[in-house]
PDB file of all heavy atoms in Angstrom:
ATOM      1  N   GLY A   1     215.570 -43.911  51.427  1.00  0.00           N
ATOM      2  CA  GLY A   1     215.919 -45.219  51.938  1.00  0.00           C
ATOM      3  C   GLY A   1     216.315 -45.091  53.392  1.00  0.00           C
ATOM      4  O   GLY A   1     217.117 -44.227  53.739  1.00  0.00           O
ATOM      5  N   ALA A   2     215.733 -45.906  54.269  1.00  0.00           N
ATOM      6  CA  ALA A   2     215.966 -45.744  55.699  1.00  0.00           C
ATOM      7  C   ALA A   2     216.260 -47.061  56.367  1.00  0.00           C
ATOM      8  O   ALA A   2     215.638 -48.092  56.073  1.00  0.00           O
ATOM      9  CB  ALA A   2     214.759 -45.085  56.354  1.00  0.00           C
ATOM     10  N   LEU A   3     217.226 -47.020  57.288  1.00  0.00           N
ATOM     11  CA  LEU A   3     217.489 -48.128  58.210  1.00  0.00           C
ATOM     12  C   LEU A   3     217.322 -47.573  59.612  1.00  0.00           C
ATOM     13  O   LEU A   3     218.155 -46.835  60.102  1.00  0.00           O
ATOM     14  CB  LEU A   3     218.912 -48.660  58.023  1.00  0.00           C
ATOM     15  CG  LEU A   3     219.390 -49.623  59.123  1.00  0.00           C
ATOM     16  CD1 LEU A   3     218.589 -50.918  59.117  1.00  0.00           C
ATOM     17  CD2 LEU A   3     220.884 -49.934  58.959  1.00  0.00           C
ATOM     18  N   LEU A   4     216.193 -47.915  60.248  1.00  0.00           N
ATOM     19  CA  LEU A   4     215.929 -47.469  61.604  1.00  0.00           C
ATOM     20  C   LEU A   4     215.901 -48.624  62.591  1.00  0.00           C
ATOM     21  O   LEU A   4     216.229 -48.435  63.761  1.00  0.00           O
ATOM     22  CB  LEU A   4     214.595 -46.701  61.668  1.00  0.00           C
ATOM     23  CG  LEU A   4     214.471 -45.463  60.787  1.00  0.00           C
ATOM     24  CD1 LEU A   4     213.183 -44.741  61.081  1.00  0.00           C
ATOM     25  CD2 LEU A   4     215.651 -44.527  60.969  1.00  0.00           C
ATOM     26  N   GLU A   5     215.503 -49.778  62.165  1.00  0.00           N
ATOM     27  CA  GLU A   5     215.421 -50.942  63.031  1.00  0.00           C
ATOM     28  C   GLU A   5     215.714 -52.180  62.208  1.00  0.00           C
ATOM     29  O   GLU A   5     214.852 -52.668  61.473  1.00  0.00           O
ATOM     30  CB  GLU A   5     214.032 -51.052  63.682  1.00  0.00           C
ATOM     31  CG  GLU A   5     213.837 -52.269  64.548  1.00  0.00           C
ATOM     32  CD  GLU A   5     214.916 -52.437  65.601  1.00  0.00           C
ATOM     33  OE1 GLU A   5     214.959 -51.667  66.553  1.00  0.00           O
ATOM     34  OE2 GLU A   5     215.744 -53.370  65.435  1.00  0.00           O
ATOM     35  N   ALA A   6     216.953 -52.676  62.334  1.00  0.00           N
ATOM     36  CA  ALA A   6     217.385 -53.787  61.485  1.00  0.00           C
ATOM     37  C   ALA A   6     216.592 -55.059  61.755  1.00  0.00           C
ATOM     38  O   ALA A   6     216.517 -55.954  60.898  1.00  0.00           O
ATOM     39  CB  ALA A   6     218.882 -54.049  61.685  1.00  0.00           C
ATOM     40  N   LYS A   7     215.991 -55.186  62.929  1.00  0.00           N
ATOM     41  CA  LYS A   7     215.266 -56.424  63.280  1.00  0.00           C
ATOM     42  C   LYS A   7     213.811 -56.419  62.827  1.00  0.00           C
ATOM     43  O   LYS A   7     213.087 -57.366  63.069  1.00  0.00           O
ATOM     44  CB  LYS A   7     215.341 -56.642  64.793  1.00  0.00           C
ATOM     45  CG  LYS A   7     216.745 -56.945  65.293  1.00  0.00           C
ATOM     46  CD  LYS A   7     216.744 -57.227  66.789  1.00  0.00           C
ATOM     47  CE  LYS A   7     218.159 -57.544  67.273  1.00  0.00           C
ATOM     48  NZ  LYS A   7     218.191 -57.823  68.727  1.00  0.00           N
ATOM     49  N   GLY A   8     213.376 -55.352  62.160  1.00  0.00           N
ATOM     50  CA  GLY A   8     211.999 -55.271  61.710  1.00  0.00           C
ATOM     51  C   GLY A   8     211.782 -56.077  60.437  1.00  0.00           C
ATOM     52  O   GLY A   8     211.362 -55.540  59.400  1.00  0.00           O
ATOM     53  N   VAL A   9     212.039 -57.378  60.492  1.00  0.00           N
ATOM     54  CA  VAL A   9     211.978 -58.251  59.335  1.00  0.00           C
ATOM     55  C   VAL A   9     211.267 -59.546  59.735  1.00  0.00           C
ATOM     56  O   VAL A   9     211.440 -60.036  60.848  1.00  0.00           O
ATOM     57  CB  VAL A   9     213.408 -58.563  58.823  1.00  0.00           C
ATOM     58  CG1 VAL A   9     213.371 -59.515  57.643  1.00  0.00           C
ATOM     59  CG2 VAL A   9     214.158 -57.290  58.458  1.00  0.00           C
ATOM     60  N   HIS A  10     210.491 -60.119  58.808  1.00  0.00           N
ATOM     61  CA  HIS A  10     209.863 -61.412  59.049  1.00  0.00           C
ATOM     62  C   HIS A  10     210.971 -62.463  59.122  1.00  0.00           C
ATOM     63  O   HIS A  10     211.648 -62.743  58.124  1.00  0.00           O
ATOM     64  CB  HIS A  10     208.900 -61.743  57.902  1.00  0.00           C
ATOM     65  CG  HIS A  10     208.001 -62.917  58.167  1.00  0.00           C
ATOM     66  ND1 HIS A  10     208.486 -64.171  58.449  1.00  0.00           N
ATOM     67  CD2 HIS A  10     206.647 -63.019  58.208  1.00  0.00           C
ATOM     68  CE1 HIS A  10     207.497 -65.014  58.634  1.00  0.00           C
ATOM     69  NE2 HIS A  10     206.368 -64.321  58.502  1.00  0.00           N
ATOM     70  N   THR A  11     211.151 -63.060  60.299  1.00  0.00           N
ATOM     71  CA  THR A  11     212.293 -63.933  60.509  1.00  0.00           C
ATOM     72  C   THR A  11     212.199 -65.257  59.721  1.00  0.00           C
ATOM     73  O   THR A  11     213.214 -65.936  59.551  1.00  0.00           O
ATOM     74  CB  THR A  11     212.459 -64.259  62.006  1.00  0.00           C
ATOM     75  OG1 THR A  11     211.241 -64.829  62.499  1.00  0.00           O
ATOM     76  CG2 THR A  11     212.786 -62.994  62.790  1.00  0.00           C
ATOM     77  N   GLY A  12     211.015 -65.598  59.275  1.00  0.00           N
ATOM     78  CA  GLY A  12     210.870 -66.830  58.516  1.00  0.00           C
ATOM     79  C   GLY A  12     211.193 -66.700  57.034  1.00  0.00           C
ATOM     80  O   GLY A  12     211.295 -67.697  56.320  1.00  0.00           O
ATOM     81  N   ARG A  13     211.349 -65.472  56.555  1.00  0.00           N
ATOM     82  CA  ARG A  13     211.661 -65.242  55.154  1.00  0.00           C
ATOM     83  C   ARG A  13     213.164 -65.264  54.908  1.00  0.00           C
ATOM     84  O   ARG A  13     213.963 -64.945  55.799  1.00  0.00           O
ATOM     85  CB  ARG A  13     211.116 -63.900  54.693  1.00  0.00           C
ATOM     86  CG  ARG A  13     209.631 -63.854  54.461  1.00  0.00           C
ATOM     87  CD  ARG A  13     209.215 -62.468  54.024  1.00  0.00           C
ATOM     88  NE  ARG A  13     207.778 -62.401  53.750  1.00  0.00           N
ATOM     89  CZ  ARG A  13     207.115 -61.271  53.597  1.00  0.00           C
ATOM     90  NH1 ARG A  13     207.744 -60.122  53.701  1.00  0.00           N
ATOM     91  NH2 ARG A  13     205.825 -61.288  53.356  1.00  0.00           N
ATOM     92  N   SER A  14     213.529 -65.594  53.700  1.00  0.00           N
ATOM     93  CA  SER A  14     214.932 -65.458  53.315  1.00  0.00           C
ATOM     94  C   SER A  14     215.218 -63.988  53.037  1.00  0.00           C
ATOM     95  O   SER A  14     214.293 -63.184  52.823  1.00  0.00           O
ATOM     96  CB  SER A  14     215.223 -66.283  52.060  1.00  0.00           C
ATOM     97  OG  SER A  14     214.553 -65.742  50.926  1.00  0.00           O
ATOM     98  N   ALA A  15     216.486 -63.634  53.025  1.00  0.00           N
ATOM     99  CA  ALA A  15     216.869 -62.259  52.711  1.00  0.00           C
ATOM    100  C   ALA A  15     216.370 -61.850  51.328  1.00  0.00           C
ATOM    101  O   ALA A  15     215.841 -60.744  51.129  1.00  0.00           O
ATOM    102  CB  ALA A  15     218.379 -62.113  52.783  1.00  0.00           C
ATOM    103  N   TYR A  16     216.502 -62.769  50.368  1.00  0.00           N
ATOM    104  CA  TYR A  16     216.057 -62.474  49.011  1.00  0.00           C
ATOM    105  C   TYR A  16     214.548 -62.229  48.972  1.00  0.00           C
ATOM    106  O   TYR A  16     214.084 -61.238  48.362  1.00  0.00           O
ATOM    107  CB  TYR A  16     216.399 -63.648  48.082  1.00  0.00           C
ATOM    108  CG  TYR A  16     215.939 -63.468  46.655  1.00  0.00           C
ATOM    109  CD1 TYR A  16     216.681 -62.720  45.757  1.00  0.00           C
ATOM    110  CD2 TYR A  16     214.746 -64.055  46.229  1.00  0.00           C
ATOM    111  CE1 TYR A  16     216.246 -62.537  44.444  1.00  0.00           C
ATOM    112  CE2 TYR A  16     214.303 -63.881  44.918  1.00  0.00           C
ATOM    113  CZ  TYR A  16     215.043 -63.132  44.038  1.00  0.00           C
ATOM    114  OH  TYR A  16     214.603 -62.950  42.749  1.00  0.00           O
ATOM    115  N   ASN A  17     213.756 -63.083  49.618  1.00  0.00           N
ATOM    116  CA  ASN A  17     212.298 -62.914  49.580  1.00  0.00           C
ATOM    117  C   ASN A  17     211.843 -61.673  50.346  1.00  0.00           C
ATOM    118  O   ASN A  17     210.855 -61.044  49.983  1.00  0.00           O
ATOM    119  CB  ASN A  17     211.623 -64.155  50.137  1.00  0.00           C
ATOM    120  CG  ASN A  17     211.639 -65.319  49.154  1.00  0.00           C
ATOM    121  OD1 ASN A  17     211.740 -65.105  47.953  1.00  0.00           O
ATOM    122  ND2 ASN A  17     211.551 -66.531  49.659  1.00  0.00           N
ATOM    123  N   HIS A  18     212.564 -61.342  51.398  1.00  0.00           N
ATOM    124  CA  HIS A  18     212.244 -60.097  52.130  1.00  0.00           C
ATOM    125  C   HIS A  18     212.403 -58.895  51.201  1.00  0.00           C
ATOM    126  O   HIS A  18     211.507 -58.042  51.105  1.00  0.00           O
ATOM    127  CB  HIS A  18     213.145 -59.953  53.338  1.00  0.00           C
ATOM    128  CG  HIS A  18     213.101 -58.601  53.969  1.00  0.00           C
ATOM    129  ND1 HIS A  18     211.986 -58.110  54.606  1.00  0.00           N
ATOM    130  CD2 HIS A  18     214.059 -57.619  54.044  1.00  0.00           C
ATOM    131  CE1 HIS A  18     212.235 -56.883  55.047  1.00  0.00           C
ATOM    132  NE2 HIS A  18     213.475 -56.562  54.710  1.00  0.00           N
ATOM    133  N   LEU A  19     213.528 -58.834  50.518  1.00  0.00           N
ATOM    134  CA  LEU A  19     213.765 -57.715  49.606  1.00  0.00           C
ATOM    135  C   LEU A  19     212.821 -57.748  48.426  1.00  0.00           C
ATOM    136  O   LEU A  19     212.363 -56.698  47.960  1.00  0.00           O
ATOM    137  CB  LEU A  19     215.226 -57.737  49.133  1.00  0.00           C
ATOM    138  CG  LEU A  19     216.276 -57.482  50.227  1.00  0.00           C
ATOM    139  CD1 LEU A  19     217.673 -57.722  49.695  1.00  0.00           C
ATOM    140  CD2 LEU A  19     216.160 -56.062  50.783  1.00  0.00           C
ATOM    141  N   LEU A  20     212.513 -58.944  47.941  1.00  0.00           N
ATOM    142  CA  LEU A  20     211.610 -59.070  46.809  1.00  0.00           C
ATOM    143  C   LEU A  20     210.214 -58.562  47.147  1.00  0.00           C
ATOM    144  O   LEU A  20     209.537 -57.902  46.332  1.00  0.00           O
ATOM    145  CB  LEU A  20     211.537 -60.534  46.351  1.00  0.00           C
ATOM    146  CG  LEU A  20     210.902 -60.797  44.986  1.00  0.00           C
ATOM    147  CD1 LEU A  20     211.716 -60.144  43.864  1.00  0.00           C
ATOM    148  CD2 LEU A  20     210.790 -62.301  44.758  1.00  0.00           C
ATOM    149  N   SER A  21     209.755 -58.831  48.385  1.00  0.00           N
ATOM    150  CA  SER A  21     208.427 -58.369  48.803  1.00  0.00           C
ATOM    151  C   SER A  21     208.401 -56.854  48.920  1.00  0.00           C
ATOM    152  O   SER A  21     207.391 -56.215  48.567  1.00  0.00           O
ATOM    153  CB  SER A  21     208.034 -59.006  50.138  1.00  0.00           C
ATOM    154  OG  SER A  21     208.893 -58.587  51.193  1.00  0.00           O
ATOM    155  N   LEU A  22     209.477 -56.252  49.390  1.00  0.00           N
ATOM    156  CA  LEU A  22     209.546 -54.791  49.430  1.00  0.00           C
ATOM    157  C   LEU A  22     209.572 -54.217  48.014  1.00  0.00           C
ATOM    158  O   LEU A  22     208.906 -53.215  47.738  1.00  0.00           O
ATOM    159  CB  LEU A  22     210.815 -54.341  50.184  1.00  0.00           C
ATOM    160  CG  LEU A  22     210.866 -54.597  51.685  1.00  0.00           C
ATOM    161  CD1 LEU A  22     212.222 -54.159  52.233  1.00  0.00           C
ATOM    162  CD2 LEU A  22     209.753 -53.854  52.411  1.00  0.00           C
ATOM    163  N   ALA A  23     210.328 -54.850  47.155  1.00  0.00           N
ATOM    164  CA  ALA A  23     210.436 -54.368  45.783  1.00  0.00           C
ATOM    165  C   ALA A  23     209.083 -54.385  45.089  1.00  0.00           C
ATOM    166  O   ALA A  23     208.771 -53.487  44.290  1.00  0.00           O
ATOM    167  CB  ALA A  23     211.447 -55.219  45.021  1.00  0.00           C
ATOM    168  N   ALA A  24     208.276 -55.407  45.361  1.00  0.00           N
ATOM    169  CA  ALA A  24     206.977 -55.538  44.697  1.00  0.00           C
ATOM    170  C   ALA A  24     206.059 -54.363  44.982  1.00  0.00           C
ATOM    171  O   ALA A  24     205.206 -54.016  44.152  1.00  0.00           O
ATOM    172  CB  ALA A  24     206.323 -56.856  45.126  1.00  0.00           C
ATOM    173  N   THR A  25     206.219 -53.711  46.141  1.00  0.00           N
ATOM    174  CA  THR A  25     205.341 -52.591  46.484  1.00  0.00           C
ATOM    175  C   THR A  25     205.590 -51.373  45.591  1.00  0.00           C
ATOM    176  O   THR A  25     204.749 -50.481  45.525  1.00  0.00           O
ATOM    177  CB  THR A  25     205.527 -52.172  47.963  1.00  0.00           C
ATOM    178  OG1 THR A  25     206.864 -51.651  48.140  1.00  0.00           O
ATOM    179  CG2 THR A  25     205.315 -53.363  48.896  1.00  0.00           C
ATOM    180  N   HIS A  26     206.751 -51.328  44.929  1.00  0.00           N
ATOM    181  CA  HIS A  26     207.099 -50.186  44.093  1.00  0.00           C
ATOM    182  C   HIS A  26     207.393 -50.572  42.656  1.00  0.00           C
ATOM    183  O   HIS A  26     207.938 -49.780  41.890  1.00  0.00           O
ATOM    184  CB  HIS A  26     208.325 -49.460  44.684  1.00  0.00           C
ATOM    185  CG  HIS A  26     208.009 -48.591  45.847  1.00  0.00           C
ATOM    186  ND1 HIS A  26     207.487 -49.090  47.027  1.00  0.00           N
ATOM    187  CD2 HIS A  26     208.113 -47.243  46.050  1.00  0.00           C
ATOM    188  CE1 HIS A  26     207.304 -48.102  47.885  1.00  0.00           C
ATOM    189  NE2 HIS A  26     207.676 -46.980  47.305  1.00  0.00           N
ATOM    190  N   GLY A  27     207.038 -51.803  42.306  1.00  0.00           N
ATOM    191  CA  GLY A  27     207.286 -52.222  40.933  1.00  0.00           C
ATOM    192  C   GLY A  27     208.751 -52.361  40.598  1.00  0.00           C
ATOM    193  O   GLY A  27     209.156 -52.212  39.438  1.00  0.00           O
ATOM    194  N   ILE A  28     209.580 -52.643  41.596  1.00  0.00           N
ATOM    195  CA  ILE A  28     211.023 -52.798  41.391  1.00  0.00           C
ATOM    196  C   ILE A  28     211.294 -54.254  41.000  1.00  0.00           C
ATOM    197  O   ILE A  28     210.800 -55.178  41.659  1.00  0.00           O
ATOM    198  CB  ILE A  28     211.802 -52.415  42.662  1.00  0.00           C
ATOM    199  CG1 ILE A  28     211.555 -50.932  43.003  1.00  0.00           C
ATOM    200  CG2 ILE A  28     213.295 -52.686  42.486  1.00  0.00           C
ATOM    201  CD1 ILE A  28     212.078 -50.510  44.363  1.00  0.00           C
ATOM    202  N   GLY A  29     212.098 -54.465  39.986  1.00  0.00           N
ATOM    203  CA  GLY A  29     212.336 -55.805  39.474  1.00  0.00           C
ATOM    204  C   GLY A  29     213.302 -56.630  40.298  1.00  0.00           C
ATOM    205  O   GLY A  29     214.053 -56.101  41.133  1.00  0.00           O
ATOM    206  N   ALA A  30     213.308 -57.929  40.038  1.00  0.00           N
ATOM    207  CA  ALA A  30     214.188 -58.861  40.761  1.00  0.00           C
ATOM    208  C   ALA A  30     215.658 -58.559  40.491  1.00  0.00           C
ATOM    209  O   ALA A  30     216.526 -58.868  41.325  1.00  0.00           O
ATOM    210  CB  ALA A  30     213.860 -60.295  40.370  1.00  0.00           C
ATOM    211  N   SER A  31     215.983 -57.974  39.345  1.00  0.00           N
ATOM    212  CA  SER A  31     217.382 -57.672  39.027  1.00  0.00           C
ATOM    213  C   SER A  31     217.952 -56.659  40.027  1.00  0.00           C
ATOM    214  O   SER A  31     219.119 -56.745  40.420  1.00  0.00           O
ATOM    215  CB  SER A  31     217.500 -57.121  37.612  1.00  0.00           C
ATOM    216  OG  SER A  31     216.746 -55.920  37.459  1.00  0.00           O
ATOM    217  N   ARG A  32     217.124 -55.703  40.462  1.00  0.00           N
ATOM    218  CA  ARG A  32     217.579 -54.731  41.463  1.00  0.00           C
ATOM    219  C   ARG A  32     217.749 -55.401  42.819  1.00  0.00           C
ATOM    220  O   ARG A  32     218.672 -55.055  43.569  1.00  0.00           O
ATOM    221  CB  ARG A  32     216.585 -53.569  41.559  1.00  0.00           C
ATOM    222  CG  ARG A  32     216.954 -52.514  42.611  1.00  0.00           C
ATOM    223  CD  ARG A  32     218.325 -51.888  42.365  1.00  0.00           C
ATOM    224  NE  ARG A  32     218.618 -50.870  43.374  1.00  0.00           N
ATOM    225  CZ  ARG A  32     219.795 -50.246  43.492  1.00  0.00           C
ATOM    226  NH1 ARG A  32     220.784 -50.549  42.645  1.00  0.00           N
ATOM    227  NH2 ARG A  32     219.978 -49.353  44.411  1.00  0.00           N
ATOM    228  N   VAL A  33     216.892 -56.346  43.125  1.00  0.00           N
ATOM    229  CA  VAL A  33     217.037 -57.104  44.384  1.00  0.00           C
ATOM    230  C   VAL A  33     218.387 -57.806  44.396  1.00  0.00           C
ATOM    231  O   VAL A  33     219.145 -57.754  45.385  1.00  0.00           O
ATOM    232  CB  VAL A  33     215.903 -58.134  44.557  1.00  0.00           C
ATOM    233  CG1 VAL A  33     216.172 -59.045  45.750  1.00  0.00           C
ATOM    234  CG2 VAL A  33     214.571 -57.397  44.730  1.00  0.00           C
ATOM    235  N   ARG A  34     218.732 -58.473  43.303  1.00  0.00           N
ATOM    236  CA  ARG A  34     220.017 -59.162  43.222  1.00  0.00           C
ATOM    237  C   ARG A  34     221.185 -58.184  43.303  1.00  0.00           C
ATOM    238  O   ARG A  34     222.236 -58.467  43.890  1.00  0.00           O
ATOM    239  CB  ARG A  34     220.091 -59.983  41.944  1.00  0.00           C
ATOM    240  CG  ARG A  34     219.135 -61.182  41.916  1.00  0.00           C
ATOM    241  CD  ARG A  34     219.417 -62.103  40.731  1.00  0.00           C
ATOM    242  NE  ARG A  34     219.075 -61.467  39.469  1.00  0.00           N
ATOM    243  CZ  ARG A  34     217.881 -61.535  38.901  1.00  0.00           C
ATOM    244  NH1 ARG A  34     216.878 -62.187  39.498  1.00  0.00           N
ATOM    245  NH2 ARG A  34     217.637 -60.960  37.756  1.00  0.00           N
ATOM    246  N   GLU A  35     220.972 -57.002  42.738  1.00  0.00           N
ATOM    247  CA  GLU A  35     222.027 -55.985  42.749  1.00  0.00           C
ATOM    248  C   GLU A  35     222.333 -55.492  44.156  1.00  0.00           C
ATOM    249  O   GLU A  35     223.493 -55.407  44.560  1.00  0.00           O
ATOM    250  CB  GLU A  35     221.611 -54.807  41.861  1.00  0.00           C
ATOM    251  CG  GLU A  35     222.695 -53.753  41.679  1.00  0.00           C
ATOM    252  CD  GLU A  35     222.262 -52.650  40.735  1.00  0.00           C
ATOM    253  OE1 GLU A  35     221.250 -52.804  40.047  1.00  0.00           O
ATOM    254  OE2 GLU A  35     222.959 -51.614  40.699  1.00  0.00           O
ATOM    255  N   VAL A  36     221.282 -55.190  44.951  1.00  0.00           N
ATOM    256  CA  VAL A  36     221.540 -54.684  46.299  1.00  0.00           C
ATOM    257  C   VAL A  36     222.061 -55.799  47.199  1.00  0.00           C
ATOM    258  O   VAL A  36     222.823 -55.529  48.163  1.00  0.00           O
ATOM    259  CB  VAL A  36     220.285 -54.015  46.909  1.00  0.00           C
ATOM    260  CG1 VAL A  36     219.886 -52.789  46.102  1.00  0.00           C
ATOM    261  CG2 VAL A  36     219.125 -54.975  47.051  1.00  0.00           C
ATOM    262  N   ILE A  37     221.678 -57.032  46.939  1.00  0.00           N
ATOM    263  CA  ILE A  37     222.254 -58.144  47.695  1.00  0.00           C
ATOM    264  C   ILE A  37     223.755 -58.223  47.461  1.00  0.00           C
ATOM    265  O   ILE A  37     224.549 -58.432  48.399  1.00  0.00           O
ATOM    266  CB  ILE A  37     221.558 -59.481  47.305  1.00  0.00           C
ATOM    267  CG1 ILE A  37     220.171 -59.544  47.936  1.00  0.00           C
ATOM    268  CG2 ILE A  37     222.406 -60.688  47.732  1.00  0.00           C
ATOM    269  CD1 ILE A  37     219.346 -60.754  47.507  1.00  0.00           C
ATOM    270  N   GLN A  38     224.161 -58.006  46.231  1.00  0.00           N
ATOM    271  CA  GLN A  38     225.584 -58.013  45.912  1.00  0.00           C
ATOM    272  C   GLN A  38     226.292 -56.819  46.554  1.00  0.00           C
ATOM    273  O   GLN A  38     227.381 -56.955  47.113  1.00  0.00           O
ATOM    274  CB  GLN A  38     225.776 -57.981  44.398  1.00  0.00           C
ATOM    275  CG  GLN A  38     227.243 -58.069  43.965  1.00  0.00           C
ATOM    276  CD  GLN A  38     227.387 -58.110  42.467  1.00  0.00           C
ATOM    277  OE1 GLN A  38     226.468 -57.764  41.717  1.00  0.00           O
ATOM    278  NE2 GLN A  38     228.545 -58.522  41.993  1.00  0.00           N
ATOM    279  N   ILE A  39     225.668 -55.641  46.495  1.00  0.00           N
ATOM    280  CA  ILE A  39     226.254 -54.447  47.104  1.00  0.00           C
ATOM    281  C   ILE A  39     226.484 -54.669  48.595  1.00  0.00           C
ATOM    282  O   ILE A  39     227.526 -54.276  49.144  1.00  0.00           O
ATOM    283  CB  ILE A  39     225.340 -53.222  46.878  1.00  0.00           C
ATOM    284  CG1 ILE A  39     225.326 -52.825  45.403  1.00  0.00           C
ATOM    285  CG2 ILE A  39     225.797 -52.026  47.741  1.00  0.00           C
ATOM    286  CD1 ILE A  39     224.294 -51.765  45.063  1.00  0.00           C
ATOM    287  N   ALA A  40     225.517 -55.331  49.260  1.00  0.00           N
ATOM    288  CA  ALA A  40     225.612 -55.535  50.705  1.00  0.00           C
ATOM    289  C   ALA A  40     226.450 -56.751  51.086  1.00  0.00           C
ATOM    290  O   ALA A  40     226.645 -57.013  52.270  1.00  0.00           O
ATOM    291  CB  ALA A  40     224.200 -55.694  51.274  1.00  0.00           C
ATOM    292  N   GLY A  41     226.941 -57.487  50.102  1.00  0.00           N
ATOM    293  CA  GLY A  41     227.778 -58.633  50.401  1.00  0.00           C
ATOM    294  C   GLY A  41     227.020 -59.797  51.006  1.00  0.00           C
ATOM    295  O   GLY A  41     227.558 -60.549  51.835  1.00  0.00           O
ATOM    296  N   LEU A  42     225.768 -59.983  50.599  1.00  0.00           N
ATOM    297  CA  LEU A  42     224.929 -61.039  51.165  1.00  0.00           C
ATOM    298  C   LEU A  42     224.672 -62.204  50.215  1.00  0.00           C
ATOM    299  O   LEU A  42     223.768 -63.022  50.460  1.00  0.00           O
ATOM    300  CB  LEU A  42     223.584 -60.433  51.581  1.00  0.00           C
ATOM    301  CG  LEU A  42     223.604 -59.437  52.757  1.00  0.00           C
ATOM    302  CD1 LEU A  42     222.239 -58.784  52.925  1.00  0.00           C
ATOM    303  CD2 LEU A  42     224.040 -60.110  54.045  1.00  0.00           C
ATOM    304  N   GLU A  43     225.453 -62.330  49.138  1.00  0.00           N
ATOM    305  CA  GLU A  43     225.194 -63.379  48.144  1.00  0.00           C
ATOM    306  C   GLU A  43     225.157 -64.776  48.771  1.00  0.00           C
ATOM    307  O   GLU A  43     224.298 -65.606  48.436  1.00  0.00           O
ATOM    308  CB  GLU A  43     226.255 -63.350  47.037  1.00  0.00           C
ATOM    309  CG  GLU A  43     226.292 -62.077  46.238  1.00  0.00           C
ATOM    310  CD  GLU A  43     227.413 -61.163  46.698  1.00  0.00           C
ATOM    311  OE1 GLU A  43     227.603 -61.044  47.938  1.00  0.00           O
ATOM    312  OE2 GLU A  43     228.082 -60.577  45.842  1.00  0.00           O
ATOM    313  N   SER A  44     226.068 -65.038  49.708  1.00  0.00           N
ATOM    314  CA  SER A  44     226.186 -66.389  50.250  1.00  0.00           C
ATOM    315  C   SER A  44     225.055 -66.760  51.190  1.00  0.00           C
ATOM    316  O   SER A  44     224.837 -67.952  51.487  1.00  0.00           O
ATOM    317  CB  SER A  44     227.528 -66.556  50.987  1.00  0.00           C
ATOM    318  OG  SER A  44     227.589 -65.679  52.098  1.00  0.00           O
TER     319      SER A  44
END
């Protein structure tokens, strides 16, 4: 897992959809997306 450039994100997407699109490339479910959003404190 790498954070090299925080701005390398499609600015028109929501945080949830950005993570969901990344998850889809590895078959990661939506439950994990919600989990990391909670870990990062981004629920609101």
